[in-house]
Amino acid sequence: TDELQAALKAIWQQRTDRYSEEREQRQGE
């Protein structure tokens, strides 16, 4: 469980996504 929690923590703590707020700036990608 410790390994799984460490993986989940790393995924969430590195999370920066906010695609819907950036949609217009990313048009054409």
PDB file of all heavy atoms in Angstrom:
ATOM      1  N   THR A   1       0.823  -1.190   0.000  1.00  0.00           N
ATOM      2  CA  THR A   1       0.000   0.000   0.000  1.00  0.00           C
ATOM      3  C   THR A   1       0.864   1.249   0.000  1.00  0.00           C
ATOM      4  O   THR A   1       0.530   2.265  -0.625  1.00  0.00           O
ATOM      5  CB  THR A   1      -0.937   0.001   1.222  1.00  0.00           C
ATOM      6  OG1 THR A   1      -1.784  -1.141   1.153  1.00  0.00           O
ATOM      7  CG2 THR A   1      -1.794   1.261   1.264  1.00  0.00           C
ATOM      8  N   ASP A   2       2.006   1.199   0.672  1.00  0.00           N
ATOM      9  CA  ASP A   2       2.906   2.353   0.718  1.00  0.00           C
ATOM     10  C   ASP A   2       3.403   2.715  -0.677  1.00  0.00           C
ATOM     11  O   ASP A   2       3.499   3.899  -1.016  1.00  0.00           O
ATOM     12  CB  ASP A   2       4.099   2.057   1.633  1.00  0.00           C
ATOM     13  CG  ASP A   2       3.706   2.021   3.108  1.00  0.00           C
ATOM     14  OD1 ASP A   2       2.610   2.523   3.438  1.00  0.00           O
ATOM     15  OD2 ASP A   2       4.493   1.485   3.908  1.00  0.00           O
ATOM     16  N   GLU A   3       3.724   1.707  -1.478  1.00  0.00           N
ATOM     17  CA  GLU A   3       4.190   1.972  -2.848  1.00  0.00           C
ATOM     18  C   GLU A   3       3.104   2.613  -3.686  1.00  0.00           C
ATOM     19  O   GLU A   3       3.355   3.549  -4.455  1.00  0.00           O
ATOM     20  CB  GLU A   3       4.667   0.668  -3.498  1.00  0.00           C
ATOM     21  CG  GLU A   3       5.944   0.098  -2.900  1.00  0.00           C
ATOM     22  CD  GLU A   3       6.285  -1.252  -3.483  1.00  0.00           C
ATOM     23  OE1 GLU A   3       5.338  -1.958  -3.915  1.00  0.00           O
ATOM     24  OE2 GLU A   3       7.469  -1.615  -3.506  1.00  0.00           O
ATOM     25  N   LEU A   4       1.884   2.100  -3.555  1.00  0.00           N
ATOM     26  CA  LEU A   4       0.758   2.657  -4.302  1.00  0.00           C
ATOM     27  C   LEU A   4       0.490   4.092  -3.866  1.00  0.00           C
ATOM     28  O   LEU A   4       0.276   4.978  -4.695  1.00  0.00           O
ATOM     29  CB  LEU A   4      -0.486   1.796  -4.095  1.00  0.00           C
ATOM     30  CG  LEU A   4      -1.776   2.296  -4.746  1.00  0.00           C
ATOM     31  CD1 LEU A   4      -1.605   2.468  -6.253  1.00  0.00           C
ATOM     32  CD2 LEU A   4      -2.932   1.358  -4.443  1.00  0.00           C
ATOM     33  N   GLN A   5       0.487   4.330  -2.557  1.00  0.00           N
ATOM     34  CA  GLN A   5       0.258   5.680  -2.076  1.00  0.00           C
ATOM     35  C   GLN A   5       1.344   6.637  -2.551  1.00  0.00           C
ATOM     36  O   GLN A   5       1.053   7.784  -2.909  1.00  0.00           O
ATOM     37  CB  GLN A   5       0.181   5.698  -0.548  1.00  0.00           C
ATOM     38  CG  GLN A   5      -1.116   5.159   0.012  1.00  0.00           C
ATOM     39  CD  GLN A   5      -1.289   5.477   1.483  1.00  0.00           C
ATOM     40  OE1 GLN A   5      -0.463   6.169   2.069  1.00  0.00           O
ATOM     41  NE2 GLN A   5      -2.349   4.978   2.074  1.00  0.00           N
ATOM     42  N   ALA A   6       2.580   6.177  -2.569  1.00  0.00           N
ATOM     43  CA  ALA A   6       3.676   7.029  -3.041  1.00  0.00           C
ATOM     44  C   ALA A   6       3.476   7.398  -4.511  1.00  0.00           C
ATOM     45  O   ALA A   6       3.712   8.545  -4.917  1.00  0.00           O
ATOM     46  CB  ALA A   6       5.014   6.319  -2.842  1.00  0.00           C
ATOM     47  N   ALA A   7       3.020   6.420  -5.304  1.00  0.00           N
ATOM     48  CA  ALA A   7       2.766   6.684  -6.722  1.00  0.00           C
ATOM     49  C   ALA A   7       1.630   7.677  -6.898  1.00  0.00           C
ATOM     50  O   ALA A   7       1.717   8.614  -7.708  1.00  0.00           O
ATOM     51  CB  ALA A   7       2.455   5.375  -7.446  1.00  0.00           C
ATOM     52  N   LEU A   8       0.543   7.488  -6.145  1.00  0.00           N
ATOM     53  CA  LEU A   8      -0.600   8.398  -6.232  1.00  0.00           C
ATOM     54  C   LEU A   8      -0.223   9.804  -5.776  1.00  0.00           C
ATOM     55  O   LEU A   8      -0.630  10.803  -6.385  1.00  0.00           O
ATOM     56  CB  LEU A   8      -1.750   7.867  -5.386  1.00  0.00           C
ATOM     57  CG  LEU A   8      -2.445   6.604  -5.913  1.00  0.00           C
ATOM     58  CD1 LEU A   8      -3.357   6.013  -4.850  1.00  0.00           C
ATOM     59  CD2 LEU A   8      -3.241   6.911  -7.185  1.00  0.00           C
ATOM     60  N   LYS A   9       0.562   9.892  -4.707  1.00  0.00           N
ATOM     61  CA  LYS A   9       1.013  11.199  -4.232  1.00  0.00           C
ATOM     62  C   LYS A   9       1.824  11.914  -5.297  1.00  0.00           C
ATOM     63  O   LYS A   9       1.633  13.106  -5.552  1.00  0.00           O
ATOM     64  CB  LYS A   9       1.858  11.038  -2.960  1.00  0.00           C
ATOM     65  CG  LYS A   9       1.071  10.772  -1.705  1.00  0.00           C
ATOM     66  CD  LYS A   9       2.013  10.683  -0.505  1.00  0.00           C
ATOM     67  CE  LYS A   9       1.252  10.447   0.782  1.00  0.00           C
ATOM     68  NZ  LYS A   9       2.165  10.334   1.956  1.00  0.00           N
ATOM     69  N   ALA A  10       2.740  11.190  -5.919  1.00  0.00           N
ATOM     70  CA  ALA A  10       3.587  11.805  -6.948  1.00  0.00           C
ATOM     71  C   ALA A  10       2.751  12.299  -8.116  1.00  0.00           C
ATOM     72  O   ALA A  10       2.970  13.407  -8.640  1.00  0.00           O
ATOM     73  CB  ALA A  10       4.634  10.802  -7.418  1.00  0.00           C
ATOM     74  N   ILE A  11       1.770  11.504  -8.532  1.00  0.00           N
ATOM     75  CA  ILE A  11       0.902  11.898  -9.648  1.00  0.00           C
ATOM     76  C   ILE A  11       0.135  13.164  -9.304  1.00  0.00           C
ATOM     77  O   ILE A  11       0.074  14.115 -10.090  1.00  0.00           O
ATOM     78  CB  ILE A  11      -0.070  10.749  -9.993  1.00  0.00           C
ATOM     79  CG1 ILE A  11       0.688   9.574 -10.608  1.00  0.00           C
ATOM     80  CG2 ILE A  11      -1.166  11.230 -10.943  1.00  0.00           C
ATOM     81  CD1 ILE A  11      -0.140   8.304 -10.720  1.00  0.00           C
ATOM     82  N   TRP A  12      -0.467  13.174  -8.112  1.00  0.00           N
ATOM     83  CA  TRP A  12      -1.321  14.315  -7.749  1.00  0.00           C
ATOM     84  C   TRP A  12      -0.501  15.568  -7.428  1.00  0.00           C
ATOM     85  O   TRP A  12      -0.850  16.679  -7.836  1.00  0.00           O
ATOM     86  CB  TRP A  12      -2.201  13.959  -6.560  1.00  0.00           C
ATOM     87  CG  TRP A  12      -3.322  14.946  -6.391  1.00  0.00           C
ATOM     88  CD1 TRP A  12      -3.353  16.020  -5.546  1.00  0.00           C
ATOM     89  CD2 TRP A  12      -4.555  14.973  -7.117  1.00  0.00           C
ATOM     90  NE1 TRP A  12      -4.520  16.711  -5.699  1.00  0.00           N
ATOM     91  CE2 TRP A  12      -5.288  16.088  -6.656  1.00  0.00           C
ATOM     92  CE3 TRP A  12      -5.116  14.163  -8.096  1.00  0.00           C
ATOM     93  CZ2 TRP A  12      -6.549  16.421  -7.145  1.00  0.00           C
ATOM     94  CZ3 TRP A  12      -6.380  14.484  -8.583  1.00  0.00           C
ATOM     95  CH2 TRP A  12      -7.078  15.592  -8.118  1.00  0.00           C
ATOM     96  N   GLN A  13       0.598  15.409  -6.722  1.00  0.00           N
ATOM     97  CA  GLN A  13       1.392  16.572  -6.333  1.00  0.00           C
ATOM     98  C   GLN A  13       2.040  17.260  -7.533  1.00  0.00           C
ATOM     99  O   GLN A  13       2.328  18.455  -7.479  1.00  0.00           O
ATOM    100  CB  GLN A  13       2.454  16.160  -5.314  1.00  0.00           C
ATOM    101  CG  GLN A  13       1.876  15.813  -3.952  1.00  0.00           C
ATOM    102  CD  GLN A  13       2.901  15.241  -2.996  1.00  0.00           C
ATOM    103  OE1 GLN A  13       3.939  14.720  -3.401  1.00  0.00           O
ATOM    104  NE2 GLN A  13       2.607  15.322  -1.706  1.00  0.00           N
ATOM    105  N   GLN A  14       2.240  16.513  -8.623  1.00  0.00           N
ATOM    106  CA  GLN A  14       2.817  17.106  -9.828  1.00  0.00           C
ATOM    107  C   GLN A  14       1.744  17.644 -10.778  1.00  0.00           C
ATOM    108  O   GLN A  14       2.054  18.226 -11.809  1.00  0.00           O
ATOM    109  CB  GLN A  14       3.661  16.065 -10.571  1.00  0.00           C
ATOM    110  CG  GLN A  14       4.885  15.603  -9.787  1.00  0.00           C
ATOM    111  CD  GLN A  14       5.551  14.388 -10.404  1.00  0.00           C
ATOM    112  OE1 GLN A  14       5.341  14.079 -11.572  1.00  0.00           O
ATOM    113  NE2 GLN A  14       6.340  13.683  -9.605  1.00  0.00           N
ATOM    114  N   ARG A  15       0.491  17.499 -10.412  1.00  0.00           N
ATOM    115  CA  ARG A  15      -0.612  17.881 -11.291  1.00  0.00           C
ATOM    116  C   ARG A  15      -0.666  19.395 -11.489  1.00  0.00           C
ATOM    117  O   ARG A  15      -0.703  20.165 -10.547  1.00  0.00           O
ATOM    118  CB  ARG A  15      -1.924  17.403 -10.665  1.00  0.00           C
ATOM    119  CG  ARG A  15      -3.159  17.749 -11.477  1.00  0.00           C
ATOM    120  CD  ARG A  15      -4.410  17.507 -10.654  1.00  0.00           C
ATOM    121  NE  ARG A  15      -5.613  17.696 -11.439  1.00  0.00           N
ATOM    122  CZ  ARG A  15      -6.758  18.152 -10.960  1.00  0.00           C
ATOM    123  NH1 ARG A  15      -6.849  18.489  -9.681  1.00  0.00           N
ATOM    124  NH2 ARG A  15      -7.796  18.297 -11.737  1.00  0.00           N
ATOM    125  N   THR A  16      -0.708  19.803 -12.758  1.00  0.00           N
ATOM    126  CA  THR A  16      -0.819  21.221 -13.111  1.00  0.00           C
ATOM    127  C   THR A  16      -1.955  21.489 -14.084  1.00  0.00           C
ATOM    128  O   THR A  16      -2.239  22.639 -14.406  1.00  0.00           O
ATOM    129  CB  THR A  16       0.480  21.731 -13.754  1.00  0.00           C
ATOM    130  OG1 THR A  16       0.727  20.985 -14.959  1.00  0.00           O
ATOM    131  CG2 THR A  16       1.665  21.586 -12.810  1.00  0.00           C
ATOM    132  N   ASP A  17      -2.635  20.448 -14.584  1.00  0.00           N
ATOM    133  CA  ASP A  17      -3.562  20.604 -15.696  1.00  0.00           C
ATOM    134  C   ASP A  17      -4.758  21.494 -15.370  1.00  0.00           C
ATOM    135  O   ASP A  17      -5.303  21.453 -14.275  1.00  0.00           O
ATOM    136  CB  ASP A  17      -4.045  19.245 -16.219  1.00  0.00           C
ATOM    137  CG  ASP A  17      -4.436  18.282 -15.103  1.00  0.00           C
ATOM    138  OD1 ASP A  17      -5.043  18.715 -14.109  1.00  0.00           O
ATOM    139  OD2 ASP A  17      -4.118  17.105 -15.238  1.00  0.00           O
ATOM    140  N   ARG A  18      -5.139  22.289 -16.330  1.00  0.00           N
ATOM    141  CA  ARG A  18      -6.349  23.117 -16.298  1.00  0.00           C
ATOM    142  C   ARG A  18      -6.739  23.420 -17.744  1.00  0.00           C
ATOM    143  O   ARG A  18      -6.850  24.575 -18.158  1.00  0.00           O
ATOM    144  CB  ARG A  18      -6.138  24.386 -15.465  1.00  0.00           C
ATOM    145  CG  ARG A  18      -4.906  25.193 -15.801  1.00  0.00           C
ATOM    146  CD  ARG A  18      -4.683  26.312 -14.779  1.00  0.00           C
ATOM    147  NE  ARG A  18      -3.606  27.195 -15.211  1.00  0.00           N
ATOM    148  CZ  ARG A  18      -3.775  28.301 -15.924  1.00  0.00           C
ATOM    149  NH1 ARG A  18      -4.991  28.663 -16.288  1.00  0.00           N
ATOM    150  NH2 ARG A  18      -2.749  29.051 -16.266  1.00  0.00           N
ATOM    151  N   TYR A  19      -6.956  22.335 -18.484  1.00  0.00           N
ATOM    152  CA  TYR A  19      -7.152  22.444 -19.925  1.00  0.00           C
ATOM    153  C   TYR A  19      -8.321  23.340 -20.305  1.00  0.00           C
ATOM    154  O   TYR A  19      -8.220  24.142 -21.239  1.00  0.00           O
ATOM    155  CB  TYR A  19      -7.348  21.044 -20.542  1.00  0.00           C
ATOM    156  CG  TYR A  19      -7.704  21.104 -22.011  1.00  0.00           C
ATOM    157  CD1 TYR A  19      -6.717  21.344 -22.956  1.00  0.00           C
ATOM    158  CD2 TYR A  19      -9.020  20.959 -22.441  1.00  0.00           C
ATOM    159  CE1 TYR A  19      -7.032  21.432 -24.304  1.00  0.00           C
ATOM    160  CE2 TYR A  19      -9.347  21.059 -23.781  1.00  0.00           C
ATOM    161  CZ  TYR A  19      -8.353  21.287 -24.702  1.00  0.00           C
ATOM    162  OH  TYR A  19      -8.676  21.384 -26.028  1.00  0.00           O
ATOM    163  N   SER A  20      -9.446  23.212 -19.613  1.00  0.00           N
ATOM    164  CA  SER A  20     -10.618  24.003 -20.003  1.00  0.00           C
ATOM    165  C   SER A  20     -10.345  25.501 -19.911  1.00  0.00           C
ATOM    166  O   SER A  20     -10.865  26.281 -20.706  1.00  0.00           O
ATOM    167  CB  SER A  20     -11.832  23.633 -19.141  1.00  0.00           C
ATOM    168  OG  SER A  20     -12.410  22.434 -19.607  1.00  0.00           O
ATOM    169  N   GLU A  21      -9.547  25.912 -18.934  1.00  0.00           N
ATOM    170  CA  GLU A  21      -9.216  27.327 -18.803  1.00  0.00           C
ATOM    171  C   GLU A  21      -8.232  27.777 -19.875  1.00  0.00           C
ATOM    172  O   GLU A  21      -8.144  28.974 -20.186  1.00  0.00           O
ATOM    173  CB  GLU A  21      -8.629  27.602 -17.424  1.00  0.00           C
ATOM    174  CG  GLU A  21      -9.631  27.417 -16.289  1.00  0.00           C
ATOM    175  CD  GLU A  21      -9.025  27.656 -14.926  1.00  0.00           C
ATOM    176  OE1 GLU A  21      -7.781  27.746 -14.826  1.00  0.00           O
ATOM    177  OE2 GLU A  21      -9.796  27.744 -13.952  1.00  0.00           O
ATOM    178  N   GLU A  22      -7.504  26.827 -20.461  1.00  0.00           N
ATOM    179  CA  GLU A  22      -6.484  27.162 -21.453  1.00  0.00           C
ATOM    180  C   GLU A  22      -6.910  26.840 -22.878  1.00  0.00           C
ATOM    181  O   GLU A  22      -6.132  26.996 -23.821  1.00  0.00           O
ATOM    182  CB  GLU A  22      -5.196  26.391 -21.143  1.00  0.00           C
ATOM    183  CG  GLU A  22      -4.605  26.700 -19.773  1.00  0.00           C
ATOM    184  CD  GLU A  22      -3.444  25.789 -19.436  1.00  0.00           C
ATOM    185  OE1 GLU A  22      -3.375  24.676 -20.018  1.00  0.00           O
ATOM    186  OE2 GLU A  22      -2.612  26.175 -18.608  1.00  0.00           O
ATOM    187  N   ARG A  23      -8.163  26.409 -23.048  1.00  0.00           N
ATOM    188  CA  ARG A  23      -8.622  25.900 -24.335  1.00  0.00           C
ATOM    189  C   ARG A  23      -8.371  26.889 -25.484  1.00  0.00           C
ATOM    190  O   ARG A  23      -7.868  26.528 -26.543  1.00  0.00           O
ATOM    191  CB  ARG A  23     -10.100  25.536 -24.257  1.00  0.00           C
ATOM    192  CG  ARG A  23     -10.669  24.945 -25.542  1.00  0.00           C
ATOM    193  CD  ARG A  23     -12.130  24.573 -25.379  1.00  0.00           C
ATOM    194  NE  ARG A  23     -12.295  23.321 -24.649  1.00  0.00           N
ATOM    195  CZ  ARG A  23     -12.654  23.234 -23.385  1.00  0.00           C
ATOM    196  NH1 ARG A  23     -12.887  24.337 -22.686  1.00  0.00           N
ATOM    197  NH2 ARG A  23     -12.787  22.068 -22.798  1.00  0.00           N
ATOM    198  N   GLU A  24      -8.733  28.129 -25.298  1.00  0.00           N
ATOM    199  CA  GLU A  24      -8.605  29.121 -26.374  1.00  0.00           C
ATOM    200  C   GLU A  24      -7.156  29.353 -26.758  1.00  0.00           C
ATOM    201  O   GLU A  24      -6.828  29.489 -27.939  1.00  0.00           O
ATOM    202  CB  GLU A  24      -9.267  30.439 -25.960  1.00  0.00           C
ATOM    203  CG  GLU A  24     -10.780  30.359 -25.870  1.00  0.00           C
ATOM    204  CD  GLU A  24     -11.410  31.720 -25.656  1.00  0.00           C
ATOM    205  OE1 GLU A  24     -10.679  32.735 -25.718  1.00  0.00           O
ATOM    206  OE2 GLU A  24     -12.633  31.771 -25.424  1.00  0.00           O
ATOM    207  N   GLN A  25      -6.256  29.386 -25.768  1.00  0.00           N
ATOM    208  CA  GLN A  25      -4.838  29.593 -26.071  1.00  0.00           C
ATOM    209  C   GLN A  25      -4.228  28.407 -26.796  1.00  0.00           C
ATOM    210  O   GLN A  25      -3.198  28.554 -27.470  1.00  0.00           O
ATOM    211  CB  GLN A  25      -4.042  29.856 -24.784  1.00  0.00           C
ATOM    212  CG  GLN A  25      -4.480  31.099 -24.005  1.00  0.00           C
ATOM    213  CD  GLN A  25      -5.436  30.763 -22.893  1.00  0.00           C
ATOM    214  OE1 GLN A  25      -6.581  30.385 -23.145  1.00  0.00           O
ATOM    215  NE2 GLN A  25      -4.972  30.894 -21.645  1.00  0.00           N
ATOM    216  N   ARG A  26      -4.858  27.221 -26.659  1.00  0.00           N
ATOM    217  CA  ARG A  26      -4.281  26.012 -27.240  1.00  0.00           C
ATOM    218  C   ARG A  26      -4.954  25.609 -28.551  1.00  0.00           C
ATOM    219  O   ARG A  26      -4.734  24.515 -29.052  1.00  0.00           O
ATOM    220  CB  ARG A  26      -4.373  24.873 -26.224  1.00  0.00           C
ATOM    221  CG  ARG A  26      -3.636  25.188 -24.934  1.00  0.00           C
ATOM    222  CD  ARG A  26      -3.710  24.071 -23.931  1.00  0.00           C
ATOM    223  NE  ARG A  26      -3.020  22.878 -24.387  1.00  0.00           N
ATOM    224  CZ  ARG A  26      -2.805  21.807 -23.623  1.00  0.00           C
ATOM    225  NH1 ARG A  26      -3.222  21.807 -22.370  1.00  0.00           N
ATOM    226  NH2 ARG A  26      -2.192  20.746 -24.095  1.00  0.00           N
ATOM    227  N   GLN A  27      -5.763  26.509 -29.091  1.00  0.00           N
ATOM    228  CA  GLN A  27      -6.405  26.215 -30.373  1.00  0.00           C
ATOM    229  C   GLN A  27      -5.346  26.009 -31.457  1.00  0.00           C
ATOM    230  O   GLN A  27      -4.357  26.729 -31.519  1.00  0.00           O
ATOM    231  CB  GLN A  27      -7.337  27.363 -30.764  1.00  0.00           C
ATOM    232  CG  GLN A  27      -8.632  27.394 -29.990  1.00  0.00           C
ATOM    233  CD  GLN A  27      -9.573  28.488 -30.455  1.00  0.00           C
ATOM    234  OE1 GLN A  27      -9.246  29.260 -31.346  1.00  0.00           O
ATOM    235  NE2 GLN A  27     -10.750  28.557 -29.857  1.00  0.00           N
ATOM    236  N   GLY A  28      -5.575  25.035 -32.295  1.00  0.00           N
ATOM    237  CA  GLY A  28      -4.637  24.741 -33.367  1.00  0.00           C
ATOM    238  C   GLY A  28      -3.629  23.665 -33.016  1.00  0.00           C
ATOM    239  O   GLY A  28      -2.948  23.145 -33.908  1.00  0.00           O
ATOM    240  N   GLU A  29      -3.507  23.337 -31.735  1.00  0.00           N
ATOM    241  CA  GLU A  29      -2.601  22.262 -31.347  1.00  0.00           C
ATOM    242  C   GLU A  29      -3.119  20.918 -31.851  1.00  0.00           C
ATOM    243  O   GLU A  29      -4.324  20.676 -31.888  1.00  0.00           O
ATOM    244  CB  GLU A  29      -2.470  22.190 -29.815  1.00  0.00           C
ATOM    245  CG  GLU A  29      -1.692  23.310 -29.197  1.00  0.00           C
ATOM    246  CD  GLU A  29      -1.494  23.084 -27.703  1.00  0.00           C
ATOM    247  OE1 GLU A  29      -1.856  21.988 -27.218  1.00  0.00           O
ATOM    248  OE2 GLU A  29      -1.005  24.003 -27.034  1.00  0.00           O
TER     249      GLU A  29
END
